[in-house]
Amino acid sequence: MKTLRLLTVIMMVSLFVGSVSAEYIPFVVKLNSLERLLSLSLLPSEGSYATWKVINDLRNELAFTSEELTKLDLQPAANGGVQGNWDAVPEKEITFGETTEKMIVDALTELDSNEKLTPEHLSLYQKFVIREELDEF
């Protein structure tokens, strides 16, 4: 009887260990200035306390320094958006955790399914959803 229980426990443990997903590897990607700004705009505006802690950490990583803002020379655009010297600041390597990566992927996927993607979103969609680096459009 003890042997049967022991075998049952061993089988249950092996099933549990086998069903646990692999450890998440953070998503590291280089984003240009426009992609950083668009990523900020894709983050949710509401959430739990825990979600806000994660969002604030990512916002700090995506945010521009005062030197970068000077180089970008951001100005209001006629269409209500923002225009700037996007190439003045080099790409920045950004690390997305599991939660923040999912937020960006979900937002881009929703824009795509609602046919609301704009040309500005395409490189982000390529990097996050399709997972390919773009040489150029």
N, C-alpha and C. Protein backbone atom coordinates (compact mmCIF):
# COMPACT_ATOMS: atom_id res chain seq x y z
N MET A 1 0.83 -1.20 0.00
CA MET A 1 0.00 0.00 0.00
C MET A 1 0.87 1.26 0.00
N LYS A 2 1.96 1.24 0.83
CA LYS A 2 2.85 2.40 0.86
C LYS A 2 3.51 2.62 -0.49
N THR A 3 3.83 1.55 -1.16
CA THR A 3 4.47 1.65 -2.46
C THR A 3 3.52 2.31 -3.46
N LEU A 4 2.27 1.93 -3.42
CA LEU A 4 1.27 2.51 -4.31
C LEU A 4 1.11 4.01 -4.04
N ARG A 5 1.06 4.39 -2.78
CA ARG A 5 0.96 5.82 -2.43
C ARG A 5 2.18 6.59 -2.90
N LEU A 6 3.35 5.99 -2.69
CA LEU A 6 4.58 6.64 -3.10
C LEU A 6 4.62 6.82 -4.61
N LEU A 7 4.22 5.80 -5.35
CA LEU A 7 4.16 5.92 -6.81
C LEU A 7 3.16 6.98 -7.24
N THR A 8 2.03 7.04 -6.56
CA THR A 8 1.02 8.04 -6.87
C THR A 8 1.57 9.44 -6.64
N VAL A 9 2.26 9.64 -5.54
CA VAL A 9 2.84 10.95 -5.23
C VAL A 9 3.90 11.31 -6.27
N ILE A 10 4.74 10.36 -6.61
CA ILE A 10 5.78 10.61 -7.61
C ILE A 10 5.16 10.99 -8.95
N MET A 11 4.13 10.27 -9.35
CA MET A 11 3.46 10.58 -10.61
C MET A 11 2.82 11.97 -10.57
N MET A 12 2.19 12.31 -9.45
CA MET A 12 1.55 13.62 -9.34
C MET A 12 2.58 14.73 -9.40
N VAL A 13 3.71 14.54 -8.73
CA VAL A 13 4.77 15.55 -8.74
C VAL A 13 5.33 15.69 -10.15
N SER A 14 5.56 14.58 -10.83
CA SER A 14 6.10 14.66 -12.19
C SER A 14 5.11 15.33 -13.14
N LEU A 15 3.83 15.06 -12.97
CA LEU A 15 2.82 15.73 -13.79
C LEU A 15 2.79 17.22 -13.52
N PHE A 16 2.89 17.59 -12.23
CA PHE A 16 2.87 19.00 -11.86
C PHE A 16 4.10 19.71 -12.43
N VAL A 17 5.26 19.13 -12.25
CA VAL A 17 6.50 19.74 -12.75
C VAL A 17 6.45 19.83 -14.27
N GLY A 18 5.93 18.81 -14.91
CA GLY A 18 5.83 18.83 -16.37
C GLY A 18 4.84 19.86 -16.87
N SER A 19 3.84 20.19 -16.06
CA SER A 19 2.83 21.14 -16.51
C SER A 19 3.20 22.59 -16.23
N VAL A 20 4.20 22.81 -15.39
CA VAL A 20 4.63 24.17 -15.09
C VAL A 20 5.38 24.71 -16.30
N SER A 21 4.98 25.88 -16.73
CA SER A 21 5.62 26.44 -17.92
C SER A 21 7.05 26.87 -17.60
N ALA A 22 7.84 26.96 -18.64
CA ALA A 22 9.23 27.37 -18.49
C ALA A 22 9.30 28.79 -17.96
N GLU A 23 10.40 29.10 -17.34
CA GLU A 23 10.58 30.44 -16.78
C GLU A 23 10.57 31.47 -17.90
N TYR A 24 9.90 32.59 -17.66
CA TYR A 24 9.80 33.65 -18.66
C TYR A 24 11.15 34.32 -18.85
N ILE A 25 11.51 34.54 -20.09
CA ILE A 25 12.73 35.27 -20.42
C ILE A 25 12.30 36.66 -20.86
N PRO A 26 12.78 37.72 -20.18
CA PRO A 26 12.37 39.07 -20.55
C PRO A 26 12.64 39.36 -22.03
N PHE A 27 11.75 40.15 -22.61
CA PHE A 27 11.83 40.53 -24.02
C PHE A 27 12.66 41.81 -24.10
N VAL A 28 13.80 41.73 -24.75
CA VAL A 28 14.70 42.88 -24.90
C VAL A 28 14.67 43.30 -26.36
N VAL A 29 14.37 44.58 -26.58
CA VAL A 29 14.24 45.07 -27.95
C VAL A 29 14.78 46.50 -28.04
N LYS A 30 15.36 46.83 -29.19
CA LYS A 30 15.82 48.20 -29.44
C LYS A 30 14.67 48.98 -30.05
N LEU A 31 14.36 50.12 -29.44
CA LEU A 31 13.29 50.98 -29.94
C LEU A 31 13.84 52.35 -30.29
N ASN A 32 13.38 52.89 -31.41
CA ASN A 32 13.75 54.26 -31.76
C ASN A 32 12.84 55.22 -31.00
N SER A 33 13.06 56.49 -31.18
CA SER A 33 12.31 57.51 -30.43
C SER A 33 10.81 57.43 -30.66
N LEU A 34 10.41 57.29 -31.91
CA LEU A 34 8.98 57.22 -32.22
C LEU A 34 8.37 55.96 -31.61
N GLU A 35 9.08 54.84 -31.69
CA GLU A 35 8.57 53.60 -31.11
C GLU A 35 8.44 53.70 -29.59
N ARG A 36 9.36 54.40 -28.96
CA ARG A 36 9.26 54.60 -27.51
C ARG A 36 8.03 55.42 -27.16
N LEU A 37 7.80 56.49 -27.92
CA LEU A 37 6.64 57.34 -27.69
C LEU A 37 5.34 56.56 -27.94
N LEU A 38 5.29 55.79 -29.01
CA LEU A 38 4.10 54.98 -29.31
C LEU A 38 3.87 53.91 -28.25
N SER A 39 4.94 53.31 -27.76
CA SER A 39 4.81 52.29 -26.70
C SER A 39 4.18 52.90 -25.46
N LEU A 40 4.60 54.11 -25.12
CA LEU A 40 4.00 54.80 -23.97
C LEU A 40 2.50 54.99 -24.17
N SER A 41 2.12 55.32 -25.40
CA SER A 41 0.69 55.58 -25.68
C SER A 41 -0.14 54.30 -25.67
N LEU A 42 0.50 53.14 -25.82
CA LEU A 42 -0.23 51.87 -25.85
C LEU A 42 -0.47 51.28 -24.47
N LEU A 43 0.18 51.82 -23.45
CA LEU A 43 0.01 51.29 -22.10
C LEU A 43 -1.39 51.62 -21.58
N PRO A 44 -1.96 50.72 -20.79
CA PRO A 44 -3.32 50.96 -20.28
C PRO A 44 -3.40 52.20 -19.38
N SER A 45 -4.56 52.80 -19.35
CA SER A 45 -4.76 53.99 -18.52
C SER A 45 -5.40 53.63 -17.18
N GLU A 46 -5.77 52.36 -17.01
CA GLU A 46 -6.36 51.91 -15.75
C GLU A 46 -5.77 50.55 -15.39
N GLY A 47 -5.79 50.23 -14.10
CA GLY A 47 -5.30 48.92 -13.68
C GLY A 47 -5.21 48.82 -12.17
N SER A 48 -4.73 47.69 -11.72
CA SER A 48 -4.56 47.46 -10.29
C SER A 48 -3.29 48.14 -9.79
N TYR A 49 -3.10 48.12 -8.49
CA TYR A 49 -1.89 48.69 -7.89
C TYR A 49 -0.66 47.99 -8.45
N ALA A 50 -0.69 46.66 -8.50
CA ALA A 50 0.44 45.90 -9.01
C ALA A 50 0.72 46.24 -10.47
N THR A 51 -0.33 46.40 -11.26
CA THR A 51 -0.17 46.76 -12.66
C THR A 51 0.49 48.13 -12.78
N TRP A 52 0.06 49.07 -11.95
CA TRP A 52 0.63 50.42 -12.01
C TRP A 52 2.09 50.45 -11.62
N LYS A 53 2.49 49.59 -10.70
CA LYS A 53 3.91 49.53 -10.33
C LYS A 53 4.74 49.10 -11.56
N VAL A 54 4.26 48.11 -12.27
CA VAL A 54 4.95 47.60 -13.46
C VAL A 54 4.94 48.66 -14.57
N ILE A 55 3.80 49.30 -14.77
CA ILE A 55 3.68 50.32 -15.82
C ILE A 55 4.62 51.50 -15.53
N ASN A 56 4.67 51.93 -14.28
CA ASN A 56 5.54 53.06 -13.93
C ASN A 56 7.01 52.74 -14.17
N ASP A 57 7.42 51.51 -13.86
CA ASP A 57 8.81 51.12 -14.13
C ASP A 57 9.10 51.19 -15.62
N LEU A 58 8.17 50.69 -16.43
CA LEU A 58 8.38 50.73 -17.88
C LEU A 58 8.35 52.16 -18.40
N ARG A 59 7.44 52.96 -17.90
CA ARG A 59 7.38 54.38 -18.33
C ARG A 59 8.71 55.08 -18.07
N ASN A 60 9.32 54.80 -16.92
CA ASN A 60 10.62 55.40 -16.61
C ASN A 60 11.69 54.96 -17.60
N GLU A 61 11.62 53.70 -18.03
CA GLU A 61 12.60 53.20 -18.99
C GLU A 61 12.37 53.77 -20.39
N LEU A 62 11.12 53.97 -20.75
CA LEU A 62 10.79 54.49 -22.08
C LEU A 62 10.93 56.02 -22.17
N ALA A 63 10.85 56.69 -21.05
CA ALA A 63 10.85 58.16 -21.02
C ALA A 63 12.14 58.74 -21.61
N PHE A 64 12.02 59.95 -22.10
CA PHE A 64 13.15 60.65 -22.68
C PHE A 64 13.86 61.49 -21.62
N THR A 65 15.17 61.56 -21.73
CA THR A 65 15.93 62.45 -20.85
C THR A 65 15.76 63.88 -21.37
N SER A 66 16.13 64.85 -20.58
CA SER A 66 16.02 66.25 -21.03
C SER A 66 16.91 66.49 -22.24
N GLU A 67 18.05 65.84 -22.30
CA GLU A 67 18.95 65.97 -23.44
C GLU A 67 18.30 65.39 -24.70
N GLU A 68 17.65 64.24 -24.56
CA GLU A 68 16.97 63.63 -25.70
C GLU A 68 15.82 64.51 -26.18
N LEU A 69 15.08 65.08 -25.24
CA LEU A 69 13.97 65.96 -25.62
C LEU A 69 14.46 67.17 -26.40
N THR A 70 15.60 67.72 -26.01
CA THR A 70 16.17 68.86 -26.72
C THR A 70 16.53 68.46 -28.15
N LYS A 71 17.15 67.29 -28.29
CA LYS A 71 17.53 66.81 -29.62
C LYS A 71 16.31 66.51 -30.49
N LEU A 72 15.27 65.97 -29.89
CA LEU A 72 14.08 65.60 -30.65
C LEU A 72 13.31 66.81 -31.15
N ASP A 73 13.35 67.90 -30.41
CA ASP A 73 12.64 69.13 -30.78
C ASP A 73 11.18 68.84 -31.14
N LEU A 74 10.46 68.23 -30.19
CA LEU A 74 9.07 67.85 -30.42
C LEU A 74 8.18 69.07 -30.58
N GLN A 75 7.30 69.01 -31.57
CA GLN A 75 6.37 70.10 -31.86
C GLN A 75 5.00 69.52 -32.16
N PRO A 76 3.93 70.25 -31.84
CA PRO A 76 2.59 69.77 -32.22
C PRO A 76 2.46 69.71 -33.73
N ALA A 77 1.85 68.65 -34.22
CA ALA A 77 1.62 68.49 -35.65
C ALA A 77 0.25 69.02 -36.01
N ALA A 78 0.06 69.33 -37.26
CA ALA A 78 -1.21 69.88 -37.74
C ALA A 78 -2.37 68.89 -37.53
N ASN A 79 -2.06 67.58 -37.57
CA ASN A 79 -3.11 66.57 -37.43
C ASN A 79 -3.43 66.24 -35.96
N GLY A 80 -2.83 66.99 -35.04
CA GLY A 80 -3.08 66.75 -33.62
C GLY A 80 -2.04 65.87 -32.96
N GLY A 81 -1.15 65.29 -33.74
CA GLY A 81 -0.10 64.44 -33.21
C GLY A 81 1.13 65.25 -32.83
N VAL A 82 2.25 64.59 -32.87
CA VAL A 82 3.53 65.23 -32.53
C VAL A 82 4.51 64.94 -33.64
N GLN A 83 5.28 65.95 -33.99
CA GLN A 83 6.35 65.74 -34.96
C GLN A 83 7.67 66.09 -34.28
N GLY A 84 8.71 65.47 -34.74
CA GLY A 84 10.02 65.72 -34.14
C GLY A 84 11.12 65.19 -35.04
N ASN A 85 12.32 65.43 -34.61
CA ASN A 85 13.50 64.95 -35.31
C ASN A 85 13.81 63.55 -34.78
N TRP A 86 13.04 62.55 -35.22
CA TRP A 86 13.06 61.19 -34.65
C TRP A 86 14.42 60.52 -34.75
N ASP A 87 15.21 60.87 -35.74
CA ASP A 87 16.52 60.23 -35.93
C ASP A 87 17.62 60.87 -35.09
N ALA A 88 17.31 61.94 -34.36
CA ALA A 88 18.33 62.64 -33.59
C ALA A 88 18.79 61.86 -32.36
N VAL A 89 17.98 60.92 -31.92
CA VAL A 89 18.30 60.13 -30.73
C VAL A 89 18.49 58.68 -31.15
N PRO A 90 19.60 58.06 -30.75
CA PRO A 90 19.82 56.66 -31.14
C PRO A 90 18.81 55.72 -30.48
N GLU A 91 18.68 54.53 -31.06
CA GLU A 91 17.80 53.53 -30.48
C GLU A 91 18.25 53.20 -29.06
N LYS A 92 17.26 52.82 -28.25
CA LYS A 92 17.54 52.46 -26.86
C LYS A 92 17.06 51.02 -26.63
N GLU A 93 17.89 50.25 -25.97
CA GLU A 93 17.50 48.88 -25.65
C GLU A 93 16.59 48.90 -24.42
N ILE A 94 15.39 48.36 -24.60
CA ILE A 94 14.37 48.36 -23.55
C ILE A 94 14.05 46.91 -23.19
N THR A 95 13.93 46.66 -21.89
CA THR A 95 13.57 45.33 -21.41
C THR A 95 12.12 45.34 -20.97
N PHE A 96 11.34 44.45 -21.56
CA PHE A 96 9.94 44.30 -21.23
C PHE A 96 9.77 43.01 -20.43
N GLY A 97 9.11 43.12 -19.29
CA GLY A 97 8.76 41.94 -18.52
C GLY A 97 7.55 41.27 -19.14
N GLU A 98 7.17 40.16 -18.58
CA GLU A 98 6.06 39.38 -19.12
C GLU A 98 4.77 40.20 -19.17
N THR A 99 4.48 40.93 -18.11
CA THR A 99 3.24 41.71 -18.03
C THR A 99 3.24 42.86 -19.04
N THR A 100 4.33 43.62 -19.09
CA THR A 100 4.36 44.78 -19.98
C THR A 100 4.45 44.35 -21.45
N GLU A 101 5.14 43.27 -21.72
CA GLU A 101 5.18 42.77 -23.10
C GLU A 101 3.77 42.40 -23.54
N LYS A 102 3.04 41.70 -22.68
CA LYS A 102 1.67 41.30 -23.00
C LYS A 102 0.78 42.52 -23.22
N MET A 103 0.97 43.58 -22.42
CA MET A 103 0.18 44.81 -22.60
C MET A 103 0.38 45.39 -23.99
N ILE A 104 1.63 45.47 -24.43
CA ILE A 104 1.92 46.04 -25.75
C ILE A 104 1.40 45.14 -26.85
N VAL A 105 1.63 43.84 -26.74
CA VAL A 105 1.15 42.89 -27.75
C VAL A 105 -0.37 42.94 -27.83
N ASP A 106 -1.05 42.94 -26.68
CA ASP A 106 -2.52 42.99 -26.67
C ASP A 106 -3.04 44.28 -27.31
N ALA A 107 -2.40 45.41 -27.00
CA ALA A 107 -2.84 46.69 -27.57
C ALA A 107 -2.65 46.71 -29.08
N LEU A 108 -1.52 46.22 -29.55
CA LEU A 108 -1.26 46.19 -31.00
C LEU A 108 -2.19 45.21 -31.70
N THR A 109 -2.44 44.07 -31.08
CA THR A 109 -3.34 43.07 -31.66
C THR A 109 -4.76 43.62 -31.75
N GLU A 110 -5.18 44.35 -30.72
CA GLU A 110 -6.52 44.95 -30.74
C GLU A 110 -6.62 46.01 -31.84
N LEU A 111 -5.58 46.85 -31.97
CA LEU A 111 -5.59 47.84 -33.05
C LEU A 111 -5.68 47.15 -34.41
N ASP A 112 -4.94 46.06 -34.56
CA ASP A 112 -4.96 45.33 -35.82
C ASP A 112 -6.33 44.73 -36.09
N SER A 113 -6.92 44.07 -35.10
CA SER A 113 -8.22 43.42 -35.32
C SER A 113 -9.33 44.44 -35.57
N ASN A 114 -9.17 45.65 -35.04
CA ASN A 114 -10.15 46.71 -35.29
C ASN A 114 -9.78 47.58 -36.49
N GLU A 115 -8.74 47.15 -37.20
CA GLU A 115 -8.24 47.88 -38.38
C GLU A 115 -7.92 49.33 -38.06
N LYS A 116 -7.26 49.54 -36.90
CA LYS A 116 -6.90 50.88 -36.45
C LYS A 116 -5.38 51.10 -36.43
N LEU A 117 -4.60 50.14 -36.94
CA LEU A 117 -3.15 50.33 -37.00
C LEU A 117 -2.84 51.47 -37.96
N THR A 118 -1.87 52.27 -37.61
CA THR A 118 -1.40 53.34 -38.49
C THR A 118 0.00 52.98 -38.99
N PRO A 119 0.50 53.65 -40.00
CA PRO A 119 1.87 53.35 -40.47
C PRO A 119 2.91 53.46 -39.36
N GLU A 120 2.67 54.34 -38.39
CA GLU A 120 3.61 54.52 -37.29
C GLU A 120 3.69 53.28 -36.40
N HIS A 121 2.62 52.49 -36.35
CA HIS A 121 2.59 51.29 -35.51
C HIS A 121 3.28 50.08 -36.14
N LEU A 122 3.53 50.11 -37.44
CA LEU A 122 3.97 48.92 -38.15
C LEU A 122 5.28 48.34 -37.62
N SER A 123 6.26 49.18 -37.34
CA SER A 123 7.53 48.64 -36.85
C SER A 123 7.37 48.02 -35.46
N LEU A 124 6.54 48.63 -34.62
CA LEU A 124 6.27 48.03 -33.30
C LEU A 124 5.54 46.71 -33.45
N TYR A 125 4.58 46.64 -34.34
CA TYR A 125 3.83 45.41 -34.59
C TYR A 125 4.79 44.32 -35.04
N GLN A 126 5.69 44.70 -35.93
CA GLN A 126 6.67 43.75 -36.45
C GLN A 126 7.56 43.22 -35.32
N LYS A 127 8.01 44.09 -34.44
CA LYS A 127 8.92 43.69 -33.36
C LYS A 127 8.24 42.91 -32.25
N PHE A 128 7.01 43.28 -31.91
CA PHE A 128 6.34 42.66 -30.77
C PHE A 128 5.44 41.48 -31.15
N VAL A 129 4.70 41.61 -32.22
CA VAL A 129 3.72 40.58 -32.57
C VAL A 129 4.33 39.55 -33.52
N ILE A 130 4.96 40.02 -34.58
CA ILE A 130 5.54 39.12 -35.56
C ILE A 130 6.92 38.65 -35.11
N ARG A 131 7.59 39.44 -34.30
CA ARG A 131 8.91 39.13 -33.74
C ARG A 131 10.01 39.10 -34.78
N GLU A 132 9.99 40.07 -35.66
CA GLU A 132 11.05 40.21 -36.64
C GLU A 132 11.57 41.63 -36.60
N GLU A 133 12.86 41.78 -36.84
CA GLU A 133 13.43 43.11 -36.94
C GLU A 133 13.23 43.61 -38.37
N LEU A 134 12.92 44.87 -38.50
CA LEU A 134 12.73 45.47 -39.82
C LEU A 134 13.98 46.21 -40.25
N ASP A 135 14.37 46.06 -41.48
CA ASP A 135 15.45 46.86 -42.00
C ASP A 135 14.92 48.25 -42.34
N GLU A 136 13.80 48.27 -43.03
CA GLU A 136 13.13 49.53 -43.35
C GLU A 136 11.78 49.20 -43.98
N PHE A 137 10.94 50.21 -44.11
CA PHE A 137 9.65 50.01 -44.78
C PHE A 137 9.75 50.45 -46.20
